[in-house]
Amino acid sequence: MKRIDELRRQAERYLRLRTYINDPAATQAIGDVASELEMTAEQLERRELIRARAHEIWTEHACPHGRDVEFWLAAEREVDERRAGLI
């Protein structure tokens, strides 16, 4: 989560930097970089939530071998539904 927080801090710094620049092209480019940093942070956060939930599911099922994809997909569904407000 440290990396995720750092990416978000960098995105915020870029957005604050835009207020000091008058060049529209530079402002747009900085905004694009900030958006990409935030998107990367979101993707990393989602992956970490899925990883943690898949591990929980695995341990709930007595740690069986060979079901990692099944548990990962179940965790993916749960995390995505929770983030979409469906759960």
Protein backbone atom coordinates (compact mmCIF):
# COMPACT_ATOMS: atom_id res chain seq x y z
CA MET A 1 0.00 0.00 0.00
CA LYS A 2 3.01 2.27 0.44
CA ARG A 3 3.54 2.40 -3.32
CA ILE A 4 -0.13 3.13 -3.91
CA ASP A 5 -0.07 6.03 -1.46
CA GLU A 6 3.09 7.40 -3.06
CA LEU A 7 1.53 7.31 -6.53
CA ARG A 8 -1.48 9.21 -5.22
CA ARG A 9 0.76 11.81 -3.56
CA GLN A 10 2.65 12.27 -6.83
CA ALA A 11 -0.62 12.74 -8.71
CA GLU A 12 -1.71 15.40 -6.21
CA ARG A 13 1.63 17.20 -6.58
CA TYR A 14 1.25 17.27 -10.36
CA LEU A 15 -2.27 18.65 -10.06
CA ARG A 16 -1.05 21.41 -7.69
CA LEU A 17 1.78 22.18 -10.11
CA ARG A 18 -0.75 22.92 -12.85
CA THR A 19 -1.95 26.01 -10.97
CA TYR A 20 1.46 27.66 -11.52
CA ILE A 21 1.64 27.06 -15.27
CA ASN A 22 0.00 29.22 -17.92
CA ASP A 23 0.77 27.09 -20.97
CA PRO A 24 -2.40 25.10 -21.90
CA ALA A 25 -0.43 22.28 -23.55
CA ALA A 26 1.81 21.86 -20.51
CA THR A 27 -1.20 22.01 -18.20
CA GLN A 28 -2.92 19.28 -20.22
CA ALA A 29 0.20 17.11 -20.23
CA ILE A 30 0.61 17.45 -16.47
CA GLY A 31 -3.06 16.57 -15.98
CA ASP A 32 -2.59 13.50 -18.16
CA VAL A 33 0.39 12.35 -16.09
CA ALA A 34 -1.61 12.87 -12.87
CA SER A 35 -4.50 10.84 -14.30
CA GLU A 36 -2.18 8.00 -15.28
CA LEU A 37 -0.62 7.95 -11.82
CA GLU A 38 -4.06 7.78 -10.21
CA MET A 39 -5.17 5.04 -12.61
CA THR A 40 -2.06 3.01 -11.79
CA ALA A 41 -2.73 3.46 -8.07
CA GLU A 42 -6.32 2.25 -8.58
CA GLN A 43 -5.14 -0.83 -10.47
CA LEU A 44 -2.55 -1.67 -7.83
CA GLU A 45 -5.08 -1.18 -5.05
CA ARG A 46 -7.60 -3.45 -6.81
CA ARG A 47 -4.96 -6.13 -7.30
CA GLU A 48 -3.92 -6.00 -3.65
CA LEU A 49 -7.55 -6.27 -2.49
CA ILE A 50 -8.09 -9.26 -4.79
CA ARG A 51 -4.88 -10.92 -3.61
CA ALA A 52 -5.84 -10.54 0.04
CA ARG A 53 -9.40 -11.79 -0.52
CA ALA A 54 -8.22 -14.76 -2.62
CA HIS A 55 -5.89 -15.72 0.22
CA GLU A 56 -8.80 -15.50 2.69
CA ILE A 57 -10.95 -17.72 0.47
CA TRP A 58 -8.07 -20.19 0.11
CA THR A 59 -7.61 -20.44 3.88
CA GLU A 60 -11.39 -20.75 4.41
CA HIS A 61 -11.25 -23.84 2.17
CA ALA A 62 -8.39 -25.45 4.15
CA CYS A 63 -5.62 -24.34 1.75
CA PRO A 64 -6.18 -26.81 -1.12
CA HIS A 65 -3.73 -27.13 -4.01
CA GLY A 66 -4.77 -26.41 -7.59
CA ARG A 67 -7.70 -24.06 -6.98
CA ASP A 68 -5.84 -20.77 -7.11
CA VAL A 69 -7.49 -19.53 -10.30
CA GLU A 70 -10.95 -20.39 -8.95
CA PHE A 71 -10.28 -18.46 -5.73
CA TRP A 72 -8.70 -15.53 -7.59
CA LEU A 73 -11.74 -15.20 -9.87
CA ALA A 74 -14.13 -15.40 -6.92
CA ALA A 75 -12.14 -12.72 -5.12
CA GLU A 76 -12.12 -10.58 -8.27
CA ARG A 77 -15.91 -10.76 -8.49
CA GLU A 78 -16.35 -9.91 -4.82
CA VAL A 79 -13.94 -6.98 -4.89
CA ASP A 80 -15.40 -5.53 -8.09
CA GLU A 81 -18.97 -5.89 -6.80
CA ARG A 82 -18.03 -4.30 -3.48
CA ARG A 83 -16.29 -1.40 -5.22
CA ALA A 84 -19.29 -0.92 -7.51
CA GLY A 85 -21.58 -0.82 -4.48
CA LEU A 86 -23.40 -4.02 -5.40
CA ILE A 87 -22.59 -5.75 -2.11
